[in-house]
Amino acid sequence: MMLLQLFLSFLQIGMFSVGGGYAAIPLIQNQTVDVHAWLSATEFMDLSTIAEMTPGPIAVNAATFVGLKTAGLPGAIAATFGCILPSLILVSILAYIYRRYRELPLLQSILSALRPAVVSLILAAGLNMFLQVVFGGRNALSLAHAQWACLVLFVAAFVALRKAKASPILTMLLCGAAGLLCGMLGFM
């Protein structure tokens, strides 16, 4: 039964994560934390971090991790297959349609209309993760409960990536080292 639940949950995620991995994060959180309680909110944040850092699509990495955690290797296979099956089918169909009808204005209009929805999904996921990291997921955004070290690391990483065009890999390594140091000093 667990294998079927994993397959169906990640099949749903795979079907509705239009826009890629970042757009899938709210869907993954809903299924793994809210609906099935396979992960806690903290575990989900860790999962998001690991899934983003490791090679491969975020949703597939998350599916494999959740499946492995909840049902071992068979769970990882079921969740991963559920996650990629819609893409396999859909991409095959869309490649045929796009190749045949790519010049039609209707198709271009549909693609243009999907872009704002994808951006809003990514923004919602980013904002949700930001609030979880800085305010611990509390509904009230109280400065008394803010994780100031996390906020400083966020601002520093954002400035380094956007303004200084720093390497994302170097930025992640430096933030990890700073987080380790902050943890050892009791700031986190």
Foldseek 3Di string as FASTA:
>chain_A
DLLVLLLVLLLVLLQPQPQFQLLSLVSLCCSCPPPPNLDHPVVSLVLQVVLVPDDDTSSLSSQLVSLCSPPRPSRSVSNNCSNCVNVVVVVVVVVVVCVVPVPDVVVVVVVVVCVVVSVVSNVVSVVQSVCCQQQVNDPDPDPVRGLVLSVVLVVVLVCCCPPVVHDPVVSVVVSVVSVVVCVVVVSD
